[in-house]
Amino acid sequence: MTTSDTIRVLIADDHVTVLEGLAAIIGRQADMQVVAEAENGHEALEHWLVYRPDVTLLDLRMPLLNGVGVIEAIHQQDSAARVIVLTTFDTDNEIYQAIKAGA
């Protein structure tokens, strides 16, 4: 597999155990590479701007900048950016806001 075939992933979650677990799982996939990890929304946005990943896996509730804010900021830079929301919270409003922002 060539580097261009590899899916480059940014993971953002404020729970270190979740972050490390997801990174380990993704890291075992031959066609995927974790290019950056973030523990808060500001780090997520900074890493996205530097690495421009193919996919961002993002927790909705994070300190400093929530997931919806990150999605909105990313889509201001690239409206085609792919963001997958990962959350344990199931309130309709949070999910609606994430989808509305571009997740």
N, C-alpha and C. Protein backbone atom coordinates (compact mmCIF):
# COMPACT_ATOMS: atom_id res chain seq x y z
N MET A 1 0.84 -1.18 0.00
CA MET A 1 0.00 0.00 0.00
C MET A 1 0.88 1.24 0.00
N THR A 2 0.53 2.20 -0.82
CA THR A 2 1.31 3.43 -0.88
C THR A 2 0.79 4.41 0.16
N THR A 3 1.58 5.42 0.44
CA THR A 3 1.19 6.44 1.42
C THR A 3 -0.10 7.12 1.01
N SER A 4 -0.31 7.35 -0.29
CA SER A 4 -1.51 8.03 -0.75
C SER A 4 -2.77 7.19 -0.54
N ASP A 5 -2.60 5.87 -0.36
CA ASP A 5 -3.73 4.99 -0.09
C ASP A 5 -4.09 4.96 1.39
N THR A 6 -3.25 5.51 2.22
CA THR A 6 -3.45 5.48 3.67
C THR A 6 -4.41 6.58 4.10
N ILE A 7 -5.40 6.22 4.91
CA ILE A 7 -6.35 7.18 5.45
C ILE A 7 -5.71 7.83 6.67
N ARG A 8 -5.52 9.13 6.60
CA ARG A 8 -4.86 9.88 7.68
C ARG A 8 -5.93 10.40 8.64
N VAL A 9 -5.78 10.06 9.93
CA VAL A 9 -6.81 10.33 10.92
C VAL A 9 -6.29 11.22 12.05
N LEU A 10 -7.09 12.20 12.41
CA LEU A 10 -6.88 13.00 13.62
C LEU A 10 -7.92 12.54 14.63
N ILE A 11 -7.48 12.24 15.85
CA ILE A 11 -8.39 11.83 16.92
C ILE A 11 -8.39 12.91 17.99
N ALA A 12 -9.59 13.32 18.41
CA ALA A 12 -9.71 14.33 19.46
C ALA A 12 -10.72 13.86 20.52
N ASP A 13 -10.22 13.68 21.73
CA ASP A 13 -11.06 13.29 22.86
C ASP A 13 -10.36 13.71 24.14
N ASP A 14 -11.11 14.25 25.08
CA ASP A 14 -10.49 14.72 26.32
C ASP A 14 -10.27 13.60 27.34
N HIS A 15 -10.72 12.41 27.05
CA HIS A 15 -10.47 11.26 27.92
C HIS A 15 -9.28 10.49 27.36
N VAL A 16 -8.17 10.53 28.08
CA VAL A 16 -6.92 9.96 27.60
C VAL A 16 -7.05 8.47 27.29
N THR A 17 -7.80 7.75 28.10
CA THR A 17 -7.97 6.31 27.87
C THR A 17 -8.67 6.06 26.53
N VAL A 18 -9.70 6.83 26.23
CA VAL A 18 -10.41 6.70 24.96
C VAL A 18 -9.47 7.08 23.81
N LEU A 19 -8.77 8.18 23.97
CA LEU A 19 -7.84 8.65 22.95
C LEU A 19 -6.79 7.59 22.63
N GLU A 20 -6.17 7.05 23.66
CA GLU A 20 -5.13 6.04 23.46
C GLU A 20 -5.70 4.75 22.88
N GLY A 21 -6.90 4.37 23.33
CA GLY A 21 -7.53 3.16 22.80
C GLY A 21 -7.87 3.28 21.33
N LEU A 22 -8.45 4.40 20.94
CA LEU A 22 -8.77 4.62 19.53
C LEU A 22 -7.50 4.67 18.68
N ALA A 23 -6.48 5.33 19.19
CA ALA A 23 -5.21 5.40 18.45
C ALA A 23 -4.62 4.01 18.25
N ALA A 24 -4.70 3.17 19.27
CA ALA A 24 -4.18 1.80 19.16
C ALA A 24 -4.96 0.99 18.14
N ILE A 25 -6.28 1.10 18.17
CA ILE A 25 -7.12 0.36 17.23
C ILE A 25 -6.86 0.83 15.80
N ILE A 26 -6.87 2.13 15.58
CA ILE A 26 -6.64 2.66 14.23
C ILE A 26 -5.23 2.35 13.78
N GLY A 27 -4.27 2.42 14.68
CA GLY A 27 -2.88 2.15 14.34
C GLY A 27 -2.63 0.73 13.88
N ARG A 28 -3.52 -0.19 14.23
CA ARG A 28 -3.37 -1.59 13.79
C ARG A 28 -3.93 -1.83 12.39
N GLN A 29 -4.59 -0.84 11.83
CA GLN A 29 -5.17 -0.99 10.50
C GLN A 29 -4.11 -0.67 9.44
N ALA A 30 -3.94 -1.55 8.50
CA ALA A 30 -2.90 -1.37 7.47
C ALA A 30 -3.15 -0.15 6.60
N ASP A 31 -4.41 0.23 6.44
CA ASP A 31 -4.73 1.33 5.54
C ASP A 31 -5.05 2.64 6.26
N MET A 32 -4.72 2.71 7.56
CA MET A 32 -5.00 3.92 8.33
C MET A 32 -3.78 4.33 9.15
N GLN A 33 -3.65 5.65 9.36
CA GLN A 33 -2.54 6.18 10.15
C GLN A 33 -3.05 7.33 11.00
N VAL A 34 -2.78 7.29 12.29
CA VAL A 34 -3.11 8.41 13.17
C VAL A 34 -2.02 9.45 13.00
N VAL A 35 -2.39 10.62 12.48
CA VAL A 35 -1.40 11.68 12.25
C VAL A 35 -1.30 12.64 13.43
N ALA A 36 -2.35 12.68 14.27
CA ALA A 36 -2.31 13.57 15.43
C ALA A 36 -3.39 13.18 16.43
N GLU A 37 -3.13 13.53 17.69
CA GLU A 37 -4.09 13.30 18.77
C GLU A 37 -4.25 14.62 19.53
N ALA A 38 -5.48 14.89 19.95
CA ALA A 38 -5.75 16.13 20.69
C ALA A 38 -6.62 15.84 21.90
N GLU A 39 -6.36 16.56 23.00
CA GLU A 39 -7.12 16.37 24.23
C GLU A 39 -8.11 17.50 24.50
N ASN A 40 -8.17 18.49 23.62
CA ASN A 40 -9.17 19.55 23.76
C ASN A 40 -9.45 20.13 22.38
N GLY A 41 -10.48 20.97 22.32
CA GLY A 41 -10.90 21.51 21.03
C GLY A 41 -9.88 22.40 20.36
N HIS A 42 -9.16 23.20 21.13
CA HIS A 42 -8.13 24.06 20.54
C HIS A 42 -7.02 23.24 19.91
N GLU A 43 -6.56 22.20 20.62
CA GLU A 43 -5.53 21.32 20.06
C GLU A 43 -6.04 20.65 18.79
N ALA A 44 -7.30 20.21 18.81
CA ALA A 44 -7.87 19.55 17.64
C ALA A 44 -7.82 20.46 16.43
N LEU A 45 -8.24 21.70 16.60
CA LEU A 45 -8.23 22.65 15.49
C LEU A 45 -6.81 22.95 15.03
N GLU A 46 -5.90 23.16 15.97
CA GLU A 46 -4.50 23.42 15.61
C GLU A 46 -3.91 22.25 14.83
N HIS A 47 -4.14 21.03 15.31
CA HIS A 47 -3.62 19.85 14.61
C HIS A 47 -4.26 19.69 13.24
N TRP A 48 -5.56 19.99 13.13
CA TRP A 48 -6.22 19.88 11.83
C TRP A 48 -5.58 20.84 10.83
N LEU A 49 -5.31 22.06 11.27
CA LEU A 49 -4.71 23.06 10.38
C LEU A 49 -3.31 22.64 9.92
N VAL A 50 -2.56 21.96 10.77
CA VAL A 50 -1.21 21.52 10.42
C VAL A 50 -1.24 20.28 9.55
N TYR A 51 -2.03 19.27 9.93
CA TYR A 51 -1.97 17.96 9.28
C TYR A 51 -2.99 17.75 8.17
N ARG A 52 -4.07 18.51 8.15
CA ARG A 52 -5.14 18.36 7.17
C ARG A 52 -5.47 16.88 6.95
N PRO A 53 -5.96 16.21 8.00
CA PRO A 53 -6.23 14.77 7.90
C PRO A 53 -7.37 14.46 6.93
N ASP A 54 -7.40 13.22 6.48
CA ASP A 54 -8.51 12.78 5.62
C ASP A 54 -9.80 12.69 6.42
N VAL A 55 -9.69 12.28 7.68
CA VAL A 55 -10.84 12.13 8.56
C VAL A 55 -10.47 12.63 9.96
N THR A 56 -11.40 13.33 10.58
CA THR A 56 -11.23 13.75 11.97
C THR A 56 -12.28 13.01 12.80
N LEU A 57 -11.82 12.29 13.81
CA LEU A 57 -12.69 11.59 14.74
C LEU A 57 -12.75 12.45 16.00
N LEU A 58 -13.94 12.97 16.32
CA LEU A 58 -14.05 14.08 17.26
C LEU A 58 -15.11 13.83 18.33
N ASP A 59 -14.72 14.02 19.59
CA ASP A 59 -15.66 14.00 20.71
C ASP A 59 -16.41 15.33 20.70
N LEU A 60 -17.69 15.29 21.04
CA LEU A 60 -18.47 16.54 21.06
C LEU A 60 -18.17 17.40 22.27
N ARG A 61 -17.97 16.78 23.42
CA ARG A 61 -17.75 17.54 24.65
C ARG A 61 -16.28 17.50 25.03
N MET A 62 -15.63 18.63 24.79
CA MET A 62 -14.22 18.77 25.13
C MET A 62 -14.00 20.14 25.74
N PRO A 63 -12.95 20.29 26.53
CA PRO A 63 -12.65 21.60 27.12
C PRO A 63 -12.10 22.58 26.08
N LEU A 64 -12.18 23.84 26.41
CA LEU A 64 -11.65 24.98 25.66
C LEU A 64 -12.43 25.31 24.40
N LEU A 65 -12.81 24.32 23.63
CA LEU A 65 -13.63 24.52 22.43
C LEU A 65 -14.38 23.22 22.21
N ASN A 66 -15.72 23.28 22.21
CA ASN A 66 -16.47 22.03 22.07
C ASN A 66 -16.42 21.50 20.63
N GLY A 67 -16.90 20.29 20.46
CA GLY A 67 -16.83 19.63 19.16
C GLY A 67 -17.53 20.40 18.05
N VAL A 68 -18.69 20.96 18.34
CA VAL A 68 -19.41 21.73 17.33
C VAL A 68 -18.58 22.93 16.89
N GLY A 69 -17.95 23.61 17.83
CA GLY A 69 -17.08 24.74 17.48
C GLY A 69 -15.91 24.31 16.61
N VAL A 70 -15.36 23.14 16.90
CA VAL A 70 -14.26 22.61 16.08
C VAL A 70 -14.75 22.32 14.66
N ILE A 71 -15.91 21.67 14.56
CA ILE A 71 -16.46 21.34 13.24
C ILE A 71 -16.69 22.62 12.43
N GLU A 72 -17.30 23.61 13.06
CA GLU A 72 -17.56 24.87 12.35
C GLU A 72 -16.27 25.52 11.87
N ALA A 73 -15.25 25.54 12.72
CA ALA A 73 -13.97 26.15 12.35
C ALA A 73 -13.29 25.37 11.22
N ILE A 74 -13.36 24.06 11.29
CA ILE A 74 -12.77 23.23 10.23
C ILE A 74 -13.48 23.49 8.91
N HIS A 75 -14.81 23.53 8.93
CA HIS A 75 -15.56 23.72 7.69
C HIS A 75 -15.44 25.14 7.14
N GLN A 76 -15.03 26.09 7.95
CA GLN A 76 -14.72 27.42 7.41
C GLN A 76 -13.45 27.35 6.56
N GLN A 77 -12.55 26.45 6.91
CA GLN A 77 -11.30 26.27 6.16
C GLN A 77 -11.49 25.35 4.96
N ASP A 78 -12.32 24.31 5.12
CA ASP A 78 -12.51 23.32 4.06
C ASP A 78 -13.90 22.71 4.22
N SER A 79 -14.82 23.14 3.39
CA SER A 79 -16.20 22.68 3.51
C SER A 79 -16.37 21.19 3.18
N ALA A 80 -15.37 20.59 2.56
CA ALA A 80 -15.43 19.16 2.22
C ALA A 80 -14.75 18.28 3.27
N ALA A 81 -14.24 18.88 4.34
CA ALA A 81 -13.54 18.11 5.38
C ALA A 81 -14.49 17.07 5.98
N ARG A 82 -13.94 15.90 6.24
CA ARG A 82 -14.73 14.80 6.79
C ARG A 82 -14.52 14.71 8.30
N VAL A 83 -15.63 14.81 9.03
CA VAL A 83 -15.59 14.76 10.49
C VAL A 83 -16.60 13.71 10.96
N ILE A 84 -16.12 12.80 11.80
CA ILE A 84 -16.98 11.80 12.42
C ILE A 84 -17.07 12.15 13.90
N VAL A 85 -18.28 12.25 14.40
CA VAL A 85 -18.49 12.59 15.80
C VAL A 85 -18.56 11.31 16.63
N LEU A 86 -17.83 11.33 17.72
CA LEU A 86 -17.85 10.23 18.67
C LEU A 86 -18.26 10.82 20.01
N THR A 87 -19.35 10.31 20.57
CA THR A 87 -19.79 10.83 21.86
C THR A 87 -20.60 9.79 22.61
N THR A 88 -20.59 9.88 23.91
CA THR A 88 -21.43 9.02 24.73
C THR A 88 -22.72 9.73 25.10
N PHE A 89 -22.84 10.97 24.75
CA PHE A 89 -24.03 11.74 25.06
C PHE A 89 -25.02 11.61 23.91
N ASP A 90 -26.29 11.47 24.25
CA ASP A 90 -27.28 11.20 23.21
C ASP A 90 -28.39 12.24 23.14
N THR A 91 -28.13 13.43 23.58
CA THR A 91 -29.17 14.45 23.48
C THR A 91 -29.35 14.86 22.03
N ASP A 92 -30.60 14.95 21.63
CA ASP A 92 -30.90 15.29 20.25
C ASP A 92 -30.29 16.61 19.83
N ASN A 93 -30.31 17.60 20.71
CA ASN A 93 -29.81 18.92 20.35
C ASN A 93 -28.32 18.89 20.01
N GLU A 94 -27.52 18.20 20.82
CA GLU A 94 -26.08 18.13 20.54
C GLU A 94 -25.81 17.44 19.21
N ILE A 95 -26.51 16.35 18.97
CA ILE A 95 -26.33 15.62 17.71
C ILE A 95 -26.78 16.48 16.54
N TYR A 96 -27.92 17.14 16.68
CA TYR A 96 -28.42 18.03 15.63
C TYR A 96 -27.41 19.14 15.34
N GLN A 97 -26.87 19.76 16.38
CA GLN A 97 -25.90 20.84 16.19
C GLN A 97 -24.65 20.34 15.46
N ALA A 98 -24.20 19.14 15.78
CA ALA A 98 -23.02 18.57 15.12
C ALA A 98 -23.30 18.31 13.64
N ILE A 99 -24.45 17.76 13.33
CA ILE A 99 -24.81 17.50 11.93
C ILE A 99 -24.97 18.82 11.19
N LYS A 100 -25.63 19.78 11.81
CA LYS A 100 -25.82 21.10 11.20
C LYS A 100 -24.48 21.77 10.90
N ALA A 101 -23.49 21.53 11.77
CA ALA A 101 -22.16 22.13 11.58
C ALA A 101 -21.36 21.43 10.49
N GLY A 102 -21.77 20.21 10.12
CA GLY A 102 -21.08 19.54 9.03
C GLY A 102 -20.54 18.16 9.32
N ALA A 103 -20.87 17.60 10.47
CA ALA A 103 -20.39 16.25 10.79
C ALA A 103 -21.14 15.22 9.97
